[in-house]
Amino acid sequence: MISLFNIIKAFFICALTTGLYTLYTSTSSFQGQLAKEGLDIGKIEALLHYSTLADVWSRIVPGWFQLFFLCFITCLLLMLWLKSPDNSHKI
Protein backbone atom coordinates (compact mmCIF):
# COMPACT_ATOMS: atom_id res chain seq x y z
CA MET A 1 0.00 0.00 0.00
CA ILE A 2 1.29 3.43 -0.87
CA SER A 3 1.50 5.89 2.00
CA LEU A 4 3.84 8.74 2.80
CA PHE A 5 5.87 6.55 5.15
CA ASN A 6 6.26 3.82 2.50
CA ILE A 7 7.27 6.38 -0.13
CA ILE A 8 9.96 7.73 2.20
CA LYS A 9 11.20 4.18 2.91
CA ALA A 10 11.25 3.43 -0.84
CA PHE A 11 13.20 6.64 -1.47
CA PHE A 12 15.93 5.75 1.04
CA ILE A 13 16.12 2.10 0.00
CA CYS A 14 16.39 3.02 -3.68
CA ALA A 15 18.99 5.71 -2.97
CA LEU A 16 21.12 3.29 -0.95
CA THR A 17 20.76 0.43 -3.42
CA THR A 18 21.51 2.46 -6.52
CA GLY A 19 24.34 4.31 -4.78
CA LEU A 20 26.07 1.08 -3.79
CA TYR A 21 25.51 -0.46 -7.22
CA THR A 22 26.86 2.62 -9.02
CA LEU A 23 29.87 2.74 -6.72
CA TYR A 24 30.60 -0.95 -7.33
CA THR A 25 30.29 -0.74 -11.11
CA SER A 26 32.34 2.45 -11.26
CA THR A 27 35.16 1.05 -9.17
CA SER A 28 35.12 -2.15 -11.24
CA SER A 29 35.45 -0.04 -14.37
CA PHE A 30 38.28 2.00 -12.86
CA GLN A 31 40.02 -1.22 -11.79
CA GLY A 32 39.70 -2.60 -15.33
CA GLN A 33 41.15 0.59 -16.82
CA LEU A 34 44.12 0.45 -14.50
CA ALA A 35 44.60 -3.26 -15.23
CA LYS A 36 44.94 -2.38 -18.92
CA GLU A 37 47.74 -0.02 -17.93
CA GLY A 38 49.50 -2.84 -16.09
CA LEU A 39 48.53 -1.94 -12.52
CA ASP A 40 47.02 -4.76 -10.48
CA ILE A 41 45.20 -2.95 -7.65
CA GLY A 42 41.93 -3.34 -5.78
CA LYS A 43 38.65 -1.51 -6.27
CA ILE A 44 39.14 0.92 -3.39
CA GLU A 45 42.64 1.80 -4.54
CA ALA A 46 41.31 2.35 -8.07
CA LEU A 47 38.60 4.66 -6.72
CA LEU A 48 41.15 6.60 -4.71
CA HIS A 49 43.38 6.90 -7.78
CA TYR A 50 40.56 8.20 -9.99
CA SER A 51 38.95 10.38 -7.29
CA THR A 52 41.84 12.81 -7.59
CA LEU A 53 40.67 13.58 -11.11
CA ALA A 54 38.03 16.29 -11.48
CA ASP A 55 35.85 14.57 -14.08
CA VAL A 56 35.37 11.26 -12.27
CA TRP A 57 32.30 12.43 -10.32
CA SER A 58 30.71 13.84 -13.46
CA ARG A 59 30.91 10.32 -14.92
CA ILE A 60 29.38 8.64 -11.85
CA VAL A 61 26.48 10.93 -10.86
CA PRO A 62 24.40 10.93 -14.09
CA GLY A 63 24.32 7.14 -14.18
CA TRP A 64 23.22 7.06 -10.56
CA PHE A 65 20.24 9.36 -11.11
CA GLN A 66 18.85 7.37 -14.04
CA LEU A 67 19.14 4.12 -12.12
CA PHE A 68 17.62 5.69 -8.99
CA PHE A 69 14.61 6.99 -10.93
CA LEU A 70 14.00 3.58 -12.50
CA CYS A 71 14.36 1.82 -9.14
CA PHE A 72 12.03 4.28 -7.38
CA ILE A 73 9.27 3.94 -10.01
CA THR A 74 9.62 0.16 -9.88
CA CYS A 75 9.37 0.18 -6.09
CA LEU A 76 6.20 2.30 -6.22
CA LEU A 77 4.64 -0.03 -8.80
CA LEU A 78 5.53 -3.01 -6.61
CA MET A 79 3.82 -1.36 -3.65
CA LEU A 80 0.69 -0.84 -5.76
CA TRP A 81 0.76 -4.45 -6.90
CA LEU A 82 1.30 -5.80 -3.37
CA LYS A 83 -1.36 -3.67 -1.72
CA SER A 84 -3.36 -5.26 1.05
CA PRO A 85 -6.15 -7.53 -0.20
CA ASP A 86 -9.68 -6.24 -0.28
CA ASN A 87 -11.84 -7.97 2.35
CA SER A 88 -15.14 -7.32 0.55
CA HIS A 89 -14.67 -10.31 -1.80
CA LYS A 90 -14.69 -12.97 0.94
CA ILE A 91 -17.37 -15.65 0.69
C-alpha atoms as a PDB file:
ATOM      1  CA  MET A   1       0.000   0.000   0.000  1.00  0.00           C
ATOM      2  CA  ILE A   2       1.293   3.427  -0.875  1.00  0.00           C
ATOM      3  CA  SER A   3       1.504   5.889   2.004  1.00  0.00           C
ATOM      4  CA  LEU A   4       3.843   8.740   2.799  1.00  0.00           C
ATOM      5  CA  PHE A   5       5.875   6.553   5.147  1.00  0.00           C
ATOM      6  CA  ASN A   6       6.261   3.819   2.501  1.00  0.00           C
ATOM      7  CA  ILE A   7       7.271   6.379  -0.130  1.00  0.00           C
ATOM      8  CA  ILE A   8       9.962   7.729   2.202  1.00  0.00           C
ATOM      9  CA  LYS A   9      11.197   4.177   2.906  1.00  0.00           C
ATOM     10  CA  ALA A  10      11.246   3.429  -0.838  1.00  0.00           C
ATOM     11  CA  PHE A  11      13.200   6.637  -1.466  1.00  0.00           C
ATOM     12  CA  PHE A  12      15.930   5.748   1.035  1.00  0.00           C
ATOM     13  CA  ILE A  13      16.115   2.098   0.001  1.00  0.00           C
ATOM     14  CA  CYS A  14      16.389   3.018  -3.683  1.00  0.00           C
ATOM     15  CA  ALA A  15      18.993   5.708  -2.970  1.00  0.00           C
ATOM     16  CA  LEU A  16      21.121   3.290  -0.952  1.00  0.00           C
ATOM     17  CA  THR A  17      20.761   0.425  -3.419  1.00  0.00           C
ATOM     18  CA  THR A  18      21.512   2.464  -6.516  1.00  0.00           C
ATOM     19  CA  GLY A  19      24.342   4.310  -4.782  1.00  0.00           C
ATOM     20  CA  LEU A  20      26.069   1.083  -3.792  1.00  0.00           C
ATOM     21  CA  TYR A  21      25.511  -0.455  -7.224  1.00  0.00           C
ATOM     22  CA  THR A  22      26.857   2.616  -9.015  1.00  0.00           C
ATOM     23  CA  LEU A  23      29.871   2.741  -6.723  1.00  0.00           C
ATOM     24  CA  TYR A  24      30.596  -0.952  -7.326  1.00  0.00           C
ATOM     25  CA  THR A  25      30.286  -0.741 -11.114  1.00  0.00           C
ATOM     26  CA  SER A  26      32.339   2.450 -11.265  1.00  0.00           C
ATOM     27  CA  THR A  27      35.163   1.048  -9.166  1.00  0.00           C
ATOM     28  CA  SER A  28      35.121  -2.152 -11.239  1.00  0.00           C
ATOM     29  CA  SER A  29      35.446  -0.044 -14.374  1.00  0.00           C
ATOM     30  CA  PHE A  30      38.280   1.995 -12.860  1.00  0.00           C
ATOM     31  CA  GLN A  31      40.021  -1.216 -11.791  1.00  0.00           C
ATOM     32  CA  GLY A  32      39.695  -2.595 -15.329  1.00  0.00           C
ATOM     33  CA  GLN A  33      41.147   0.585 -16.820  1.00  0.00           C
ATOM     34  CA  LEU A  34      44.120   0.446 -14.501  1.00  0.00           C
ATOM     35  CA  ALA A  35      44.600  -3.260 -15.233  1.00  0.00           C
ATOM     36  CA  LYS A  36      44.940  -2.383 -18.924  1.00  0.00           C
ATOM     37  CA  GLU A  37      47.740  -0.021 -17.930  1.00  0.00           C
ATOM     38  CA  GLY A  38      49.496  -2.838 -16.094  1.00  0.00           C
ATOM     39  CA  LEU A  39      48.527  -1.943 -12.518  1.00  0.00           C
ATOM     40  CA  ASP A  40      47.016  -4.757 -10.482  1.00  0.00           C
ATOM     41  CA  ILE A  41      45.202  -2.954  -7.651  1.00  0.00           C
ATOM     42  CA  GLY A  42      41.929  -3.342  -5.782  1.00  0.00           C
ATOM     43  CA  LYS A  43      38.655  -1.515  -6.270  1.00  0.00           C
ATOM     44  CA  ILE A  44      39.138   0.923  -3.390  1.00  0.00           C
ATOM     45  CA  GLU A  45      42.643   1.805  -4.536  1.00  0.00           C
ATOM     46  CA  ALA A  46      41.311   2.349  -8.072  1.00  0.00           C
ATOM     47  CA  LEU A  47      38.601   4.663  -6.724  1.00  0.00           C
ATOM     48  CA  LEU A  48      41.151   6.603  -4.706  1.00  0.00           C
ATOM     49  CA  HIS A  49      43.376   6.898  -7.784  1.00  0.00           C
ATOM     50  CA  TYR A  50      40.558   8.204  -9.989  1.00  0.00           C
ATOM     51  CA  SER A  51      38.946  10.376  -7.290  1.00  0.00           C
ATOM     52  CA  THR A  52      41.837  12.806  -7.586  1.00  0.00           C
ATOM     53  CA  LEU A  53      40.672  13.583 -11.111  1.00  0.00           C
ATOM     54  CA  ALA A  54      38.034  16.292 -11.484  1.00  0.00           C
ATOM     55  CA  ASP A  55      35.851  14.573 -14.078  1.00  0.00           C
ATOM     56  CA  VAL A  56      35.371  11.264 -12.274  1.00  0.00           C
ATOM     57  CA  TRP A  57      32.303  12.425 -10.324  1.00  0.00           C
ATOM     58  CA  SER A  58      30.708  13.842 -13.462  1.00  0.00           C
ATOM     59  CA  ARG A  59      30.906  10.315 -14.915  1.00  0.00           C
ATOM     60  CA  ILE A  60      29.381   8.642 -11.850  1.00  0.00           C
ATOM     61  CA  VAL A  61      26.478  10.926 -10.857  1.00  0.00           C
ATOM     62  CA  PRO A  62      24.399  10.934 -14.092  1.00  0.00           C
ATOM     63  CA  GLY A  63      24.319   7.137 -14.181  1.00  0.00           C
ATOM     64  CA  TRP A  64      23.215   7.058 -10.556  1.00  0.00           C
ATOM     65  CA  PHE A  65      20.244   9.360 -11.106  1.00  0.00           C
ATOM     66  CA  GLN A  66      18.846   7.369 -14.039  1.00  0.00           C
ATOM     67  CA  LEU A  67      19.139   4.118 -12.120  1.00  0.00           C
ATOM     68  CA  PHE A  68      17.620   5.687  -8.989  1.00  0.00           C
ATOM     69  CA  PHE A  69      14.609   6.994 -10.927  1.00  0.00           C
ATOM     70  CA  LEU A  70      14.000   3.584 -12.498  1.00  0.00           C
ATOM     71  CA  CYS A  71      14.355   1.820  -9.139  1.00  0.00           C
ATOM     72  CA  PHE A  72      12.025   4.276  -7.385  1.00  0.00           C
ATOM     73  CA  ILE A  73       9.274   3.939 -10.007  1.00  0.00           C
ATOM     74  CA  THR A  74       9.619   0.155  -9.877  1.00  0.00           C
ATOM     75  CA  CYS A  75       9.371   0.182  -6.088  1.00  0.00           C
ATOM     76  CA  LEU A  76       6.202   2.297  -6.220  1.00  0.00           C
ATOM     77  CA  LEU A  77       4.640  -0.035  -8.804  1.00  0.00           C
ATOM     78  CA  LEU A  78       5.528  -3.009  -6.613  1.00  0.00           C
ATOM     79  CA  MET A  79       3.819  -1.361  -3.649  1.00  0.00           C
ATOM     80  CA  LEU A  80       0.694  -0.839  -5.763  1.00  0.00           C
ATOM     81  CA  TRP A  81       0.762  -4.454  -6.896  1.00  0.00           C
ATOM     82  CA  LEU A  82       1.303  -5.799  -3.373  1.00  0.00           C
ATOM     83  CA  LYS A  83      -1.362  -3.667  -1.724  1.00  0.00           C
ATOM     84  CA  SER A  84      -3.361  -5.263   1.048  1.00  0.00           C
ATOM     85  CA  PRO A  85      -6.154  -7.532  -0.196  1.00  0.00           C
ATOM     86  CA  ASP A  86      -9.679  -6.235  -0.282  1.00  0.00           C
ATOM     87  CA  ASN A  87     -11.835  -7.974   2.352  1.00  0.00           C
ATOM     88  CA  SER A  88     -15.136  -7.321   0.546  1.00  0.00           C
ATOM     89  CA  HIS A  89     -14.671 -10.314  -1.801  1.00  0.00           C
ATOM     90  CA  LYS A  90     -14.691 -12.972   0.937  1.00  0.00           C
ATOM     91  CA  ILE A  91     -17.368 -15.651   0.690  1.00  0.00           C
END
